[in-house]
Amino acid sequence: MLRDITIGQYYQADSNIHKLDPRTKLIGTLVFLISLFLFRNVTAFAIATVFLAVMIKISKVPFRFMMRGMKSIFVIMLITVIFNMFMTPGDALVKVWKFTITVQGAENAAYTAVRLIYLIIGASLMTLTTTPNQLTDGLESLMGPFKIFKLPVHEIAMMMSIALRFIPILLDETDKIMRAQAARGADFEHGNIIQRAKALVPILVPLFVSAFRRANDLAMAMEARCYRGGEGRTKMKPLKYSSGDRIAFLILVIYLAAVIAAGRFGFI
């Protein structure tokens, strides 16, 4: 399961989405995620599905590879769906012992599950098609106006980029530690909750040690390269919008207008 988390990974491919400016992808991802919560409407969700499917096709990232990230949120999605089904008041649909599944609860559960799936896929699509350096530059550029409030924009963007980059690294490290502990006789699959929690201690300690060691190595490497923050620094590859970005913004506007129209006039 640890290898199935796709957020934070980069998939090398020669696609039009890979070539887009990182600011375009960040804005597009944000608009797409917000659009999922604008309306509860079948037509609007159908438009979002078509839009997401087209973006995945253009990105040339294998759909099977992208869907691996769903395994990491299966438990969270299952708990959310169950709570929505049984805790939402409304017209009774099915009664299970003392619990009642309502029509409104089933509808809420379905919409919530779809939103969670699209959230993960949308965020994964951005990180899979954008390198950490591009993400840093894009975030720094978009947060540029906040510099007038003395906000350390470059440092914040750098921290967010490093955090994203460290997700797959730490997951891979965790997988190696678990395999090493299992080879020594550790059992992570059996026993009650307390026993499983105790079994995680031999994993957490070396994982924290490894994380601090990597953070120290990164800090030393940045200091050896005379890194002193973003003030006065130039970029080897300055960001520049192209014709592809203008087309992408046009498609984004059309998508948003279609979702808003479908949310108001579409079928429930």
C-alpha atoms as a PDB file:
ATOM      1  CA  MET A   1       0.000   0.000   0.000  1.00  0.00           C
ATOM      2  CA  LEU A   2       2.883   2.363   0.736  1.00  0.00           C
ATOM      3  CA  ARG A   3       4.043   2.116  -2.861  1.00  0.00           C
ATOM      4  CA  ASP A   4       0.552   2.912  -4.121  1.00  0.00           C
ATOM      5  CA  ILE A   5       0.512   6.557  -2.996  1.00  0.00           C
ATOM      6  CA  THR A   6       0.958   8.656  -6.139  1.00  0.00           C
ATOM      7  CA  ILE A   7       0.778  12.181  -4.673  1.00  0.00           C
ATOM      8  CA  GLY A   8       4.255  13.700  -4.648  1.00  0.00           C
ATOM      9  CA  GLN A   9       5.622  11.463  -7.413  1.00  0.00           C
ATOM     10  CA  TYR A  10       6.615  12.635 -10.888  1.00  0.00           C
ATOM     11  CA  TYR A  11       5.895  10.580 -14.013  1.00  0.00           C
ATOM     12  CA  GLN A  12       8.179  11.369 -16.939  1.00  0.00           C
ATOM     13  CA  ALA A  13       6.287  11.698 -20.227  1.00  0.00           C
ATOM     14  CA  ASP A  14       6.146  13.887 -23.315  1.00  0.00           C
ATOM     15  CA  SER A  15       2.654  15.366 -23.161  1.00  0.00           C
ATOM     16  CA  ASN A  16       1.025  18.753 -23.588  1.00  0.00           C
ATOM     17  CA  ILE A  17       0.152  18.865 -19.900  1.00  0.00           C
ATOM     18  CA  HIS A  18       3.764  18.233 -18.907  1.00  0.00           C
ATOM     19  CA  LYS A  19       4.761  21.192 -21.081  1.00  0.00           C
ATOM     20  CA  LEU A  20       2.312  23.608 -19.457  1.00  0.00           C
ATOM     21  CA  ASP A  21       3.498  26.338 -17.117  1.00  0.00           C
ATOM     22  CA  PRO A  22       3.300  25.120 -13.488  1.00  0.00           C
ATOM     23  CA  ARG A  23       1.170  28.146 -12.609  1.00  0.00           C
ATOM     24  CA  THR A  24      -1.400  27.032 -15.169  1.00  0.00           C
ATOM     25  CA  LYS A  25      -1.524  23.552 -13.654  1.00  0.00           C
ATOM     26  CA  LEU A  26      -1.768  24.878 -10.102  1.00  0.00           C
ATOM     27  CA  ILE A  27      -4.627  27.233 -10.980  1.00  0.00           C
ATOM     28  CA  GLY A  28      -6.351  24.544 -13.035  1.00  0.00           C
ATOM     29  CA  THR A  29      -6.113  22.007 -10.224  1.00  0.00           C
ATOM     30  CA  LEU A  30      -7.454  24.517  -7.688  1.00  0.00           C
ATOM     31  CA  VAL A  31     -10.389  25.446  -9.944  1.00  0.00           C
ATOM     32  CA  PHE A  32     -11.183  21.782 -10.578  1.00  0.00           C
ATOM     33  CA  LEU A  33     -11.122  20.911  -6.874  1.00  0.00           C
ATOM     34  CA  ILE A  34     -13.327  23.890  -5.998  1.00  0.00           C
ATOM     35  CA  SER A  35     -15.769  23.005  -8.773  1.00  0.00           C
ATOM     36  CA  LEU A  36     -16.381  19.614  -7.140  1.00  0.00           C
ATOM     37  CA  PHE A  37     -17.974  21.345  -4.142  1.00  0.00           C
ATOM     38  CA  LEU A  38     -19.986  23.977  -5.981  1.00  0.00           C
ATOM     39  CA  PHE A  39     -23.014  21.804  -6.734  1.00  0.00           C
ATOM     40  CA  ARG A  40     -24.591  18.426  -5.966  1.00  0.00           C
ATOM     41  CA  ASN A  41     -25.746  17.607  -9.443  1.00  0.00           C
ATOM     42  CA  VAL A  42     -25.431  14.534 -11.679  1.00  0.00           C
ATOM     43  CA  THR A  43     -24.940  16.609 -14.826  1.00  0.00           C
ATOM     44  CA  ALA A  44     -22.201  18.717 -13.223  1.00  0.00           C
ATOM     45  CA  PHE A  45     -20.403  15.605 -12.010  1.00  0.00           C
ATOM     46  CA  ALA A  46     -20.710  14.066 -15.476  1.00  0.00           C
ATOM     47  CA  ILE A  47     -18.995  17.145 -16.960  1.00  0.00           C
ATOM     48  CA  ALA A  48     -16.268  16.918 -14.297  1.00  0.00           C
ATOM     49  CA  THR A  49     -15.802  13.231 -15.138  1.00  0.00           C
ATOM     50  CA  VAL A  50     -15.392  13.925 -18.853  1.00  0.00           C
ATOM     51  CA  PHE A  51     -13.004  16.808 -18.149  1.00  0.00           C
ATOM     52  CA  LEU A  52     -10.844  14.706 -15.808  1.00  0.00           C
ATOM     53  CA  ALA A  53     -10.808  11.746 -18.225  1.00  0.00           C
ATOM     54  CA  VAL A  54      -9.669  13.990 -21.089  1.00  0.00           C
ATOM     55  CA  MET A  55      -6.896  15.505 -18.947  1.00  0.00           C
ATOM     56  CA  ILE A  56      -5.660  12.046 -17.952  1.00  0.00           C
ATOM     57  CA  LYS A  57      -5.668  10.965 -21.597  1.00  0.00           C
ATOM     58  CA  ILE A  58      -3.704  14.052 -22.676  1.00  0.00           C
ATOM     59  CA  SER A  59      -1.197  13.660 -19.820  1.00  0.00           C
ATOM     60  CA  LYS A  60      -0.141  10.205 -21.089  1.00  0.00           C
ATOM     61  CA  VAL A  61       0.048   8.983 -17.491  1.00  0.00           C
ATOM     62  CA  PRO A  62      -1.273   5.382 -17.322  1.00  0.00           C
ATOM     63  CA  PHE A  63      -4.713   5.333 -15.713  1.00  0.00           C
ATOM     64  CA  ARG A  64      -3.862   2.147 -13.828  1.00  0.00           C
ATOM     65  CA  PHE A  65      -0.798   3.827 -12.327  1.00  0.00           C
ATOM     66  CA  MET A  66      -2.893   6.805 -11.243  1.00  0.00           C
ATOM     67  CA  MET A  67      -5.607   4.640  -9.706  1.00  0.00           C
ATOM     68  CA  ARG A  68      -3.038   3.051  -7.404  1.00  0.00           C
ATOM     69  CA  GLY A  69      -3.442   6.121  -5.211  1.00  0.00           C
ATOM     70  CA  MET A  70      -7.031   5.114  -4.437  1.00  0.00           C
ATOM     71  CA  LYS A  71      -5.858   2.263  -2.213  1.00  0.00           C
ATOM     72  CA  SER A  72      -4.364   4.736   0.258  1.00  0.00           C
ATOM     73  CA  ILE A  73      -7.734   6.446   0.918  1.00  0.00           C
ATOM     74  CA  PHE A  74      -9.981   3.384   0.771  1.00  0.00           C
ATOM     75  CA  VAL A  75     -10.425   3.169   4.563  1.00  0.00           C
ATOM     76  CA  ILE A  76     -11.078   6.918   4.904  1.00  0.00           C
ATOM     77  CA  MET A  77     -13.561   6.819   2.033  1.00  0.00           C
ATOM     78  CA  LEU A  78     -15.308   3.769   3.477  1.00  0.00           C
ATOM     79  CA  ILE A  79     -15.694   5.392   6.924  1.00  0.00           C
ATOM     80  CA  THR A  80     -16.966   8.624   5.364  1.00  0.00           C
ATOM     81  CA  VAL A  81     -19.501   6.775   3.206  1.00  0.00           C
ATOM     82  CA  ILE A  82     -20.782   4.729   6.161  1.00  0.00           C
ATOM     83  CA  PHE A  83     -21.188   7.811   8.364  1.00  0.00           C
ATOM     84  CA  ASN A  84     -23.054   9.650   5.609  1.00  0.00           C
ATOM     85  CA  MET A  85     -25.388   6.716   4.982  1.00  0.00           C
ATOM     86  CA  PHE A  86     -26.329   6.048   8.598  1.00  0.00           C
ATOM     87  CA  MET A  87     -26.071   9.504  10.192  1.00  0.00           C
ATOM     88  CA  THR A  88     -27.984  11.607   7.662  1.00  0.00           C
ATOM     89  CA  PRO A  89     -31.658  12.094   8.563  1.00  0.00           C
ATOM     90  CA  GLY A  90     -34.328  11.817   5.893  1.00  0.00           C
ATOM     91  CA  ASP A  91     -36.615   9.333   4.168  1.00  0.00           C
ATOM     92  CA  ALA A  92     -35.923   5.738   5.177  1.00  0.00           C
ATOM     93  CA  LEU A  93     -34.568   3.522   2.411  1.00  0.00           C
ATOM     94  CA  VAL A  94     -33.191   0.415   4.187  1.00  0.00           C
ATOM     95  CA  LYS A  95     -33.207  -0.490   7.887  1.00  0.00           C
ATOM     96  CA  VAL A  96     -30.309  -2.536   9.286  1.00  0.00           C
ATOM     97  CA  TRP A  97     -30.892  -3.511  12.922  1.00  0.00           C
ATOM     98  CA  LYS A  98     -31.129  -0.177  14.789  1.00  0.00           C
ATOM     99  CA  PHE A  99     -29.629   1.811  11.941  1.00  0.00           C
ATOM    100  CA  THR A 100     -31.507   3.302   9.041  1.00  0.00           C
ATOM    101  CA  ILE A 101     -30.127   4.168   5.628  1.00  0.00           C
ATOM    102  CA  THR A 102     -31.946   7.189   4.236  1.00  0.00           C
ATOM    103  CA  VAL A 103     -32.319   8.333   0.651  1.00  0.00           C
ATOM    104  CA  GLN A 104     -30.514  11.569   1.505  1.00  0.00           C
ATOM    105  CA  GLY A 105     -27.771   9.608   3.278  1.00  0.00           C
ATOM    106  CA  ALA A 106     -27.177   7.349   0.290  1.00  0.00           C
ATOM    107  CA  GLU A 107     -27.067  10.399  -1.974  1.00  0.00           C
ATOM    108  CA  ASN A 108     -24.591  12.185   0.321  1.00  0.00           C
ATOM    109  CA  ALA A 109     -22.429   9.049   0.505  1.00  0.00           C
ATOM    110  CA  ALA A 110     -22.308   8.718  -3.281  1.00  0.00           C
ATOM    111  CA  TYR A 111     -21.388  12.377  -3.831  1.00  0.00           C
ATOM    112  CA  THR A 112     -18.776  12.279  -1.059  1.00  0.00           C
ATOM    113  CA  ALA A 113     -17.127   9.151  -2.467  1.00  0.00           C
ATOM    114  CA  VAL A 114     -16.951  10.657  -5.960  1.00  0.00           C
ATOM    115  CA  ARG A 115     -15.515  13.906  -4.600  1.00  0.00           C
ATOM    116  CA  LEU A 116     -12.817  12.113  -2.634  1.00  0.00           C
ATOM    117  CA  ILE A 117     -11.825  10.020  -5.655  1.00  0.00           C
ATOM    118  CA  TYR A 118     -11.669  13.048  -7.940  1.00  0.00           C
ATOM    119  CA  LEU A 119      -9.750  15.043  -5.325  1.00  0.00           C
ATOM    120  CA  ILE A 120      -7.016  12.430  -5.142  1.00  0.00           C
ATOM    121  CA  ILE A 121      -6.856  11.916  -8.908  1.00  0.00           C
ATOM    122  CA  GLY A 122      -6.823  15.665  -9.606  1.00  0.00           C
ATOM    123  CA  ALA A 123      -4.058  16.360  -7.084  1.00  0.00           C
ATOM    124  CA  SER A 124      -2.091  13.337  -8.301  1.00  0.00           C
ATOM    125  CA  LEU A 125      -2.369  14.500 -11.916  1.00  0.00           C
ATOM    126  CA  MET A 126      -0.728  17.807 -11.009  1.00  0.00           C
ATOM    127  CA  THR A 127       2.194  16.269  -9.106  1.00  0.00           C
ATOM    128  CA  LEU A 128       2.673  13.476 -11.657  1.00  0.00           C
ATOM    129  CA  THR A 129       3.104  16.021 -14.469  1.00  0.00           C
ATOM    130  CA  THR A 130       5.085  18.676 -12.569  1.00  0.00           C
ATOM    131  CA  THR A 131       8.589  18.399 -11.146  1.00  0.00           C
ATOM    132  CA  PRO A 132       9.290  19.652  -7.587  1.00  0.00           C
ATOM    133  CA  ASN A 133      11.376  22.526  -8.955  1.00  0.00           C
ATOM    134  CA  GLN A 134       8.540  23.623 -11.223  1.00  0.00           C
ATOM    135  CA  LEU A 135       6.099  23.421  -8.316  1.00  0.00           C
ATOM    136  CA  THR A 136       8.359  25.626  -6.215  1.00  0.00           C
ATOM    137  CA  ASP A 137       8.677  28.228  -8.961  1.00  0.00           C
ATOM    138  CA  GLY A 138       4.953  28.163  -9.678  1.00  0.00           C
ATOM    139  CA  LEU A 139       3.937  28.517  -6.026  1.00  0.00           C
ATOM    140  CA  GLU A 140       6.424  31.331  -5.499  1.00  0.00           C
ATOM    141  CA  SER A 141       5.150  33.208  -8.543  1.00  0.00           C
ATOM    142  CA  LEU A 142       1.470  32.825  -7.602  1.00  0.00           C
ATOM    143  CA  MET A 143       2.110  33.947  -4.018  1.00  0.00           C
ATOM    144  CA  GLY A 144       4.217  36.902  -5.201  1.00  0.00           C
ATOM    145  CA  PRO A 145       1.576  39.558  -4.304  1.00  0.00           C
ATOM    146  CA  PHE A 146       1.813  38.526  -0.639  1.00  0.00           C
ATOM    147  CA  LYS A 147       5.354  39.918  -0.516  1.00  0.00           C
ATOM    148  CA  ILE A 148       3.885  43.353   0.200  1.00  0.00           C
ATOM    149  CA  PHE A 149       2.792  41.911   3.572  1.00  0.00           C
ATOM    150  CA  LYS A 150       6.407  40.825   4.289  1.00  0.00           C
ATOM    151  CA  LEU A 151       5.431  37.181   3.845  1.00  0.00           C
ATOM    152  CA  PRO A 152       8.438  34.898   3.122  1.00  0.00           C
ATOM    153  CA  VAL A 153       6.938  33.641  -0.133  1.00  0.00           C
ATOM    154  CA  HIS A 154      10.043  31.874  -1.434  1.00  0.00           C
ATOM    155  CA  GLU A 155      10.638  30.024   1.822  1.00  0.00           C
ATOM    156  CA  ILE A 156       7.002  28.892   2.052  1.00  0.00           C
ATOM    157  CA  ALA A 157       7.041  27.632  -1.540  1.00  0.00           C
ATOM    158  CA  MET A 158      10.326  25.830  -0.891  1.00  0.00           C
ATOM    159  CA  MET A 159       8.956  24.127   2.231  1.00  0.00           C
ATOM    160  CA  MET A 160       5.807  22.982   0.419  1.00  0.00           C
ATOM    161  CA  SER A 161       7.869  21.627  -2.469  1.00  0.00           C
ATOM    162  CA  ILE A 162      10.249  19.784  -0.143  1.00  0.00           C
ATOM    163  CA  ALA A 163       7.302  18.313   1.772  1.00  0.00           C
ATOM    164  CA  LEU A 164       5.772  16.999  -1.465  1.00  0.00           C
ATOM    165  CA  ARG A 165       9.112  15.622  -2.617  1.00  0.00           C
ATOM    166  CA  PHE A 166       9.702  13.828   0.692  1.00  0.00           C
ATOM    167  CA  ILE A 167       6.366  11.962   0.610  1.00  0.00           C
ATOM    168  CA  PRO A 168       7.484   9.200  -1.805  1.00  0.00           C
ATOM    169  CA  ILE A 169      10.988   9.153  -0.255  1.00  0.00           C
ATOM    170  CA  LEU A 170       9.700   8.543   3.277  1.00  0.00           C
ATOM    171  CA  LEU A 171       7.131   6.027   2.036  1.00  0.00           C
ATOM    172  CA  ASP A 172       9.871   4.087   0.288  1.00  0.00           C
ATOM    173  CA  GLU A 173      11.970   4.249   3.467  1.00  0.00           C
ATOM    174  CA  THR A 174       9.021   2.983   5.522  1.00  0.00           C
ATOM    175  CA  ASP A 175       8.531   0.081   3.120  1.00  0.00           C
ATOM    176  CA  LYS A 176      12.202  -0.890   3.422  1.00  0.00           C
ATOM    177  CA  ILE A 177      12.064  -0.760   7.233  1.00  0.00           C
ATOM    178  CA  MET A 178       8.891  -2.878   7.328  1.00  0.00           C
ATOM    179  CA  ARG A 179      10.469  -5.484   5.058  1.00  0.00           C
ATOM    180  CA  ALA A 180      13.592  -5.553   7.212  1.00  0.00           C
ATOM    181  CA  GLN A 181      11.553  -5.932  10.418  1.00  0.00           C
ATOM    182  CA  ALA A 182       9.372  -8.642   8.838  1.00  0.00           C
ATOM    183  CA  ALA A 183      12.527 -10.543   7.859  1.00  0.00           C
ATOM    184  CA  ARG A 184      13.496 -10.467  11.543  1.00  0.00           C
ATOM    185  CA  GLY A 185      10.171 -11.980  12.599  1.00  0.00           C
ATOM    186  CA  ALA A 186       8.025  -8.882  13.184  1.00  0.00           C
ATOM    187  CA  ASP A 187       4.282  -9.402  12.700  1.00  0.00           C
ATOM    188  CA  PHE A 188       2.222  -6.400  11.542  1.00  0.00           C
ATOM    189  CA  GLU A 189      -0.910  -8.246  10.396  1.00  0.00           C
ATOM    190  CA  HIS A 190      -2.139 -10.177  13.441  1.00  0.00           C
ATOM    191  CA  GLY A 191      -3.242  -9.282  16.964  1.00  0.00           C
ATOM    192  CA  ASN A 192      -5.527  -6.631  18.430  1.00  0.00           C
ATOM    193  CA  ILE A 193      -5.169  -2.865  18.019  1.00  0.00           C
ATOM    194  CA  ILE A 194      -2.786  -2.491  20.979  1.00  0.00           C
ATOM    195  CA  GLN A 195      -0.525  -5.273  19.717  1.00  0.00           C
ATOM    196  CA  ARG A 196      -0.438  -3.780  16.227  1.00  0.00           C
ATOM    197  CA  ALA A 197       0.360  -0.360  17.683  1.00  0.00           C
ATOM    198  CA  LYS A 198       3.264  -1.840  19.642  1.00  0.00           C
ATOM    199  CA  ALA A 199       4.498  -3.557  16.468  1.00  0.00           C
ATOM    200  CA  LEU A 200       4.771  -0.133  14.800  1.00  0.00           C
ATOM    201  CA  VAL A 201       7.316   1.139  17.344  1.00  0.00           C
ATOM    202  CA  PRO A 202      10.275  -0.652  15.659  1.00  0.00           C
ATOM    203  CA  ILE A 203       9.215   1.132  12.450  1.00  0.00           C
ATOM    204  CA  LEU A 204       8.644   4.643  13.782  1.00  0.00           C
ATOM    205  CA  VAL A 205      11.958   4.995  15.598  1.00  0.00           C
ATOM    206  CA  PRO A 206      14.256   4.254  12.608  1.00  0.00           C
ATOM    207  CA  LEU A 207      11.877   6.190  10.330  1.00  0.00           C
ATOM    208  CA  PHE A 208      12.206   9.344  12.453  1.00  0.00           C
ATOM    209  CA  VAL A 209      15.970   8.879  12.622  1.00  0.00           C
ATOM    210  CA  SER A 210      16.119   8.510   8.834  1.00  0.00           C
ATOM    211  CA  ALA A 211      13.868  11.555   8.306  1.00  0.00           C
ATOM    212  CA  PHE A 212      16.018  13.762  10.566  1.00  0.00           C
ATOM    213  CA  ARG A 213      19.166  12.490   8.864  1.00  0.00           C
ATOM    214  CA  ARG A 214      17.785  13.305   5.428  1.00  0.00           C
ATOM    215  CA  ALA A 215      16.658  16.741   6.604  1.00  0.00           C
ATOM    216  CA  ASN A 216      20.129  17.420   8.023  1.00  0.00           C
ATOM    217  CA  ASP A 217      21.797  16.274   4.790  1.00  0.00           C
ATOM    218  CA  LEU A 218      19.482  18.524   2.775  1.00  0.00           C
ATOM    219  CA  ALA A 219      20.226  21.505   5.024  1.00  0.00           C
ATOM    220  CA  MET A 220      23.980  20.928   4.725  1.00  0.00           C
ATOM    221  CA  ALA A 221      23.705  20.604   0.930  1.00  0.00           C
ATOM    222  CA  MET A 222      21.736  23.862   0.672  1.00  0.00           C
ATOM    223  CA  GLU A 223      24.213  25.644   2.941  1.00  0.00           C
ATOM    224  CA  ALA A 224      27.186  24.299   0.934  1.00  0.00           C
ATOM    225  CA  ARG A 225      25.604  25.842  -2.161  1.00  0.00           C
ATOM    226  CA  CYS A 226      25.317  29.214  -0.372  1.00  0.00           C
ATOM    227  CA  TYR A 227      21.529  29.147  -0.223  1.00  0.00           C
ATOM    228  CA  ARG A 228      20.268  32.205   1.650  1.00  0.00           C
ATOM    229  CA  GLY A 229      16.629  32.408   0.654  1.00  0.00           C
ATOM    230  CA  GLY A 230      14.889  33.966  -2.316  1.00  0.00           C
ATOM    231  CA  GLU A 231      15.976  37.591  -1.933  1.00  0.00           C
ATOM    232  CA  GLY A 232      17.964  38.662  -4.995  1.00  0.00           C
ATOM    233  CA  ARG A 233      18.090  35.170  -6.503  1.00  0.00           C
ATOM    234  CA  THR A 234      17.718  34.692 -10.254  1.00  0.00           C
ATOM    235  CA  LYS A 235      16.258  31.679 -12.053  1.00  0.00           C
ATOM    236  CA  MET A 236      17.962  29.571 -14.677  1.00  0.00           C
ATOM    237  CA  LYS A 237      14.579  28.855 -16.311  1.00  0.00           C
ATOM    238  CA  PRO A 238      12.218  31.799 -15.729  1.00  0.00           C
ATOM    239  CA  LEU A 239       8.528  30.988 -16.048  1.00  0.00           C
ATOM    240  CA  LYS A 240       6.804  32.194 -19.193  1.00  0.00           C
ATOM    241  CA  TYR A 241       3.263  31.606 -20.430  1.00  0.00           C
ATOM    242  CA  SER A 242       2.965  30.096 -23.913  1.00  0.00           C
ATOM    243  CA  SER A 243       0.147  29.641 -26.406  1.00  0.00           C
ATOM    244  CA  GLY A 244      -0.575  26.255 -24.826  1.00  0.00           C
ATOM    245  CA  ASP A 245      -1.202  27.937 -21.476  1.00  0.00           C
ATOM    246  CA  ARG A 246      -3.641  30.398 -23.049  1.00  0.00           C
ATOM    247  CA  ILE A 247      -5.537  27.516 -24.634  1.00  0.00           C
ATOM    248  CA  ALA A 248      -5.538  25.700 -21.274  1.00  0.00           C
ATOM    249  CA  PHE A 249      -7.022  28.765 -19.512  1.00  0.00           C
ATOM    250  CA  LEU A 250      -9.698  29.012 -22.212  1.00  0.00           C
ATOM    251  CA  ILE A 251     -10.617  25.335 -21.725  1.00  0.00           C
ATOM    252  CA  LEU A 252     -10.690  25.898 -17.955  1.00  0.00           C
ATOM    253  CA  VAL A 253     -13.083  28.840 -18.312  1.00  0.00           C
ATOM    254  CA  ILE A 254     -15.349  26.802 -20.605  1.00  0.00           C
ATOM    255  CA  TYR A 255     -15.308  23.897 -18.131  1.00  0.00           C
ATOM    256  CA  LEU A 256     -16.151  26.145 -15.180  1.00  0.00           C
ATOM    257  CA  ALA A 257     -18.983  27.826 -17.096  1.00  0.00           C
ATOM    258  CA  ALA A 258     -20.351  24.402 -18.104  1.00  0.00           C
ATOM    259  CA  VAL A 259     -20.254  23.141 -14.505  1.00  0.00           C
ATOM    260  CA  ILE A 260     -22.017  26.258 -13.203  1.00  0.00           C
ATOM    261  CA  ALA A 261     -24.675  26.017 -15.913  1.00  0.00           C
ATOM    262  CA  ALA A 262     -25.161  22.289 -15.274  1.00  0.00           C
ATOM    263  CA  GLY A 263     -25.392  22.897 -11.540  1.00  0.00           C
ATOM    264  CA  ARG A 264     -28.201  25.388 -12.015  1.00  0.00           C
ATOM    265  CA  PHE A 265     -30.141  23.874 -14.863  1.00  0.00           C
ATOM    266  CA  GLY A 266     -29.000  20.228 -15.008  1.00  0.00           C
ATOM    267  CA  PHE A 267     -30.643  17.101 -13.670  1.00  0.00           C
ATOM    268  CA  ILE A 268     -30.284  16.228 -10.011  1.00  0.00           C
END
